[in-house]
């Protein structure tokens, strides 16, 4: 998979703002950001409500995901472009969600909201919400090959690459959650044995764009061909 399979830049999105085959979706850590301003024609998905099971700490099920996207006016053949703040933190979470349920064409806006704002590109008022007709979205069954469960992580200890993308203080056990998200705290401090700490924030440049492949490859130890990384986080948004 190449970067172009996952990312689009701001110039590309600028040219496609009015493309009816594109669904632009803001998924921001700050759930109030959309109401202040947002990219024209973007709709909002609220990670605290739309992407969490209302009863248990888990993902919404297939039926719930279908209902969400149908109500948001997203069709199976739309290219979904996701963006948000904090280096696309929760936009990346949503990207994984779309892949989990088999959406064919989904992209991240490289640099997210931060790069768009730094470029002084168009933002519209929070009450300017596009009207999208409802669809009959059909999700696929969860692709569990991209999801690691508890037993998978236990089996990987000491034998596969485990990457913990939380902050150093969370990794060390000093904090149970990011200071601004106390409700997301883990039940026990520390990290999974043999995990390596590569904080999410270190993967992006100052303008919010992702670092180059060469820079990212230099941030971790060489990976043996027989291993693949599993990435622990209380929620998979990092």
Protein backbone atom coordinates (compact mmCIF):
# COMPACT_ATOMS: atom_id res chain seq x y z
CA UNK A 1 0.00 0.00 0.00
CA UNK A 2 1.42 3.37 -1.03
CA UNK A 3 0.81 6.80 0.51
CA UNK A 4 -1.42 7.73 -2.44
CA UNK A 5 -3.70 4.82 -1.53
CA UNK A 6 -4.39 6.46 1.82
CA UNK A 7 -3.71 10.20 1.56
CA UNK A 8 -4.91 13.13 -0.51
CA UNK A 9 -3.39 16.58 -0.19
CA UNK A 10 -5.13 19.91 0.27
CA UNK A 11 -4.77 20.85 -3.39
CA UNK A 12 -6.57 17.68 -4.44
CA UNK A 13 -9.42 18.26 -2.01
CA UNK A 14 -9.70 21.91 -3.06
CA UNK A 15 -10.32 20.72 -6.62
CA UNK A 16 -12.95 18.20 -5.49
CA UNK A 17 -14.97 20.24 -2.98
CA UNK A 18 -18.03 20.15 -5.24
CA UNK A 19 -17.55 16.64 -6.60
CA UNK A 20 -20.80 14.70 -5.93
CA UNK A 21 -18.87 11.42 -5.74
CA UNK A 22 -16.85 12.68 -2.76
CA UNK A 23 -18.05 12.68 0.85
CA UNK A 24 -15.96 15.02 3.02
CA UNK A 25 -16.19 14.10 6.69
CA UNK A 26 -14.77 15.90 9.71
CA UNK A 27 -13.99 13.68 12.69
CA UNK A 28 -12.29 15.92 15.21
CA UNK A 29 -10.96 15.24 18.67
CA UNK A 30 -12.59 18.55 19.61
CA UNK A 31 -16.20 17.70 18.86
CA UNK A 32 -17.16 21.39 18.95
CA UNK A 33 -14.71 22.41 16.22
CA UNK A 34 -17.15 21.70 13.38
CA UNK A 35 -19.72 24.05 14.90
CA UNK A 36 -17.19 26.91 14.81
CA UNK A 37 -16.16 26.38 11.20
CA UNK A 38 -15.32 23.58 8.79
CA UNK A 39 -14.35 22.79 5.22
CA UNK A 40 -17.15 23.61 2.80
CA UNK A 41 -19.45 20.64 2.04
CA UNK A 42 -18.03 18.65 4.95
CA UNK A 43 -20.34 16.73 7.25
CA UNK A 44 -19.51 15.73 10.80
CA UNK A 45 -19.17 12.40 12.54
CA UNK A 46 -18.92 12.72 16.33
CA UNK A 47 -16.56 10.04 17.63
CA UNK A 48 -18.01 10.23 21.15
CA UNK A 49 -21.51 9.37 19.96
CA UNK A 50 -21.42 7.94 16.45
CA UNK A 51 -18.42 5.61 16.70
CA UNK A 52 -18.94 4.00 20.10
CA UNK A 53 -21.44 1.43 21.23
CA UNK A 54 -23.87 3.20 23.59
CA UNK A 55 -23.80 0.40 26.17
CA UNK A 56 -20.40 -1.28 26.18
CA UNK A 57 -16.89 -0.16 25.30
CA UNK A 58 -16.83 -1.44 21.77
CA UNK A 59 -17.40 -0.40 18.18
CA UNK A 60 -20.85 0.09 16.74
CA UNK A 61 -22.00 -3.09 15.03
CA UNK A 62 -22.51 -3.57 11.31
CA UNK A 63 -26.14 -2.52 11.45
CA UNK A 64 -25.26 0.59 13.44
CA UNK A 65 -22.55 1.57 10.97
CA UNK A 66 -24.95 1.11 8.06
CA UNK A 67 -27.52 3.30 9.78
CA UNK A 68 -24.95 6.02 10.54
CA UNK A 69 -23.65 6.26 6.99
CA UNK A 70 -27.12 6.05 5.46
CA UNK A 71 -28.29 8.97 7.60
CA UNK A 72 -25.14 10.96 6.74
CA UNK A 73 -25.81 10.53 3.02
CA UNK A 74 -22.76 8.39 2.33
CA UNK A 75 -23.12 5.70 -0.33
CA UNK A 76 -21.01 2.62 -0.95
CA UNK A 77 -19.55 4.10 -4.14
CA UNK A 78 -18.55 7.43 -2.58
CA UNK A 79 -14.91 8.27 -1.97
CA UNK A 80 -14.82 9.32 1.68
CA UNK A 81 -12.22 11.96 2.61
CA UNK A 82 -11.68 12.25 6.36
CA UNK A 83 -9.99 15.07 8.23
CA UNK A 84 -9.72 16.45 11.75
CA UNK A 85 -7.46 18.19 14.24
CA UNK A 86 -4.50 16.99 16.30
CA UNK A 87 -2.68 15.39 13.36
CA UNK A 88 -5.85 13.67 12.15
CA UNK A 89 -6.04 11.76 15.41
CA UNK A 90 -9.71 10.78 15.31
CA UNK A 91 -9.95 11.06 11.54
CA UNK A 92 -7.45 8.18 11.43
CA UNK A 93 -9.64 6.28 13.88
CA UNK A 94 -12.57 6.78 11.51
CA UNK A 95 -10.41 5.70 8.56
CA UNK A 96 -9.74 2.40 10.31
CA UNK A 97 -13.46 2.10 11.07
CA UNK A 98 -14.36 2.45 7.38
CA UNK A 99 -11.78 -0.19 6.50
CA UNK A 100 -13.06 -2.49 9.25
CA UNK A 101 -16.47 -2.49 7.57
CA UNK A 102 -15.09 -2.81 4.06
CA UNK A 103 -15.60 0.63 2.50
CA UNK A 104 -13.75 0.52 -0.81
CA UNK A 105 -12.55 4.11 -1.23
CA UNK A 106 -11.56 6.11 1.85
CA UNK A 107 -8.78 8.68 2.22
CA UNK A 108 -7.22 10.95 4.84
CA UNK A 109 -6.58 14.62 4.12
CA UNK A 110 -2.84 14.90 4.72
CA UNK A 111 -2.34 17.59 7.34
CA UNK A 112 -6.00 17.60 8.28
CA UNK A 113 -7.60 20.75 9.65
CA UNK A 114 -4.26 22.25 10.72
CA UNK A 115 -2.67 22.29 7.25
CA UNK A 116 -5.92 23.55 5.70
CA UNK A 117 -5.99 26.46 8.14
CA UNK A 118 -2.27 27.22 7.72
CA UNK A 119 -2.85 27.45 3.97
CA UNK A 120 -5.64 29.99 4.65
CA UNK A 121 -8.06 27.87 2.65
CA UNK A 122 -11.82 28.32 2.73
CA UNK A 123 -13.72 27.50 5.91
CA UNK A 124 -17.45 28.08 6.30
CA UNK A 125 -19.55 28.92 9.34
CA UNK A 126 -20.62 26.10 11.60
CA UNK A 127 -24.28 26.42 10.67
CA UNK A 128 -23.54 25.92 6.97
CA UNK A 129 -24.24 22.19 6.86
CA UNK A 130 -24.62 20.50 3.46
CA UNK A 131 -27.85 18.66 2.72
CA UNK A 132 -27.11 15.13 1.60
CA UNK A 133 -29.95 12.77 0.67
CA UNK A 134 -30.13 9.61 2.74
CA UNK A 135 -28.71 6.45 1.22
CA UNK A 136 -29.12 2.73 1.77
CA UNK A 137 -25.56 1.98 2.82
CA UNK A 138 -24.55 -1.67 3.11
CA UNK A 139 -21.49 -2.51 5.16
CA UNK A 140 -19.50 -5.71 4.96
CA UNK A 141 -18.87 -7.97 7.92
CA UNK A 142 -15.98 -6.80 10.09
CA UNK A 143 -12.57 -7.55 8.59
CA UNK A 144 -11.03 -8.93 11.77
CA UNK A 145 -7.68 -9.40 10.02
CA UNK A 146 -6.99 -5.71 10.76
CA UNK A 147 -8.13 -5.93 14.38
CA UNK A 148 -6.03 -7.41 17.19
CA UNK A 149 -7.90 -8.93 20.10
CA UNK A 150 -6.55 -9.59 23.58
CA UNK A 151 -5.34 -13.10 22.80
CA UNK A 152 -3.60 -11.85 19.66
CA UNK A 153 -1.66 -9.29 21.69
CA UNK A 154 -0.74 -11.82 24.38
CA UNK A 155 0.54 -14.21 21.72
CA UNK A 156 2.60 -11.43 20.14
CA UNK A 157 4.51 -10.52 23.31
CA UNK A 158 8.20 -11.02 22.69
CA UNK A 159 7.72 -12.48 19.22
CA UNK A 160 6.17 -9.73 17.09
CA UNK A 161 6.48 -5.97 16.87
CA UNK A 162 4.19 -4.30 19.40
CA UNK A 163 3.98 -0.53 19.00
CA UNK A 164 2.39 1.59 21.72
CA UNK A 165 1.43 4.96 20.21
CA UNK A 166 0.34 6.67 23.43
CA UNK A 167 2.30 9.46 25.06
CA UNK A 168 5.50 8.61 27.00
CA UNK A 169 3.73 9.39 30.30
CA UNK A 170 0.93 6.95 29.47
CA UNK A 171 3.46 4.36 28.34
CA UNK A 172 5.42 4.66 31.60
CA UNK A 173 2.29 4.52 33.73
CA UNK A 174 2.56 8.08 35.02
CA UNK A 175 -0.77 8.92 33.36
CA UNK A 176 -3.81 6.75 32.69
CA UNK A 177 -5.08 8.94 29.85
CA UNK A 178 -4.28 12.18 28.01
CA UNK A 179 -4.83 15.07 30.42
CA UNK A 180 -7.61 16.52 28.25
CA UNK A 181 -9.44 13.18 27.91
CA UNK A 182 -9.68 11.85 31.49
CA UNK A 183 -12.77 9.82 30.63
CA UNK A 184 -10.65 7.63 28.35
CA UNK A 185 -8.34 6.41 31.09
CA UNK A 186 -7.07 2.84 31.14
CA UNK A 187 -7.80 0.51 34.03
CA UNK A 188 -4.14 -0.19 34.82
CA UNK A 189 -1.02 1.94 34.33
CA UNK A 190 1.93 0.97 32.17
CA UNK A 191 2.25 -0.92 28.91
CA UNK A 192 2.19 -4.38 27.35
CA UNK A 193 5.49 -6.23 27.88
CA UNK A 194 7.96 -5.92 24.95
CA UNK A 195 6.01 -3.01 23.40
CA UNK A 196 7.96 -0.11 21.92
CA UNK A 197 6.72 3.45 22.48
CA UNK A 198 6.43 5.51 19.28
CA UNK A 199 4.01 8.34 20.19
CA UNK A 200 1.39 9.27 17.62
CA UNK A 201 2.50 12.91 17.77
CA UNK A 202 5.97 11.97 16.50
CA UNK A 203 4.56 10.72 13.20
CA UNK A 204 3.58 14.18 11.93
CA UNK A 205 5.36 17.34 10.84
CA UNK A 206 4.68 20.74 12.41
CA UNK A 207 2.02 21.47 9.78
CA UNK A 208 0.12 18.27 10.61
CA UNK A 209 1.17 16.34 7.51
CA UNK A 210 2.55 12.86 7.98
CA UNK A 211 6.32 12.48 7.90
CA UNK A 212 7.94 10.87 4.88
CA UNK A 213 8.35 7.11 4.59
CA UNK A 214 12.08 7.55 5.18
CA UNK A 215 11.52 9.53 8.37
CA UNK A 216 8.93 7.08 9.64
CA UNK A 217 11.16 4.10 8.89
CA UNK A 218 13.88 5.77 10.89
CA UNK A 219 11.62 6.10 13.94
CA UNK A 220 11.50 2.38 14.66
CA UNK A 221 13.79 -0.61 14.60
CA UNK A 222 14.01 -2.61 11.35
CA UNK A 223 11.16 -5.05 11.02
CA UNK A 224 11.78 -8.70 10.27
CA UNK A 225 9.85 -9.99 7.28
CA UNK A 226 8.15 -12.60 9.45
CA UNK A 227 6.64 -10.06 11.82
CA UNK A 228 4.02 -7.35 11.59
CA UNK A 229 3.16 -4.59 14.05
CA UNK A 230 0.27 -4.63 16.47
CA UNK A 231 -0.58 -1.23 17.89
CA UNK A 232 -2.07 -1.06 21.39
CA UNK A 233 -4.14 1.91 22.50
CA UNK A 234 -7.17 2.06 24.76
CA UNK A 235 -9.08 3.28 21.72
CA UNK A 236 -7.58 2.71 18.23
CA UNK A 237 -7.70 6.39 17.34
CA UNK A 238 -3.95 6.86 17.61
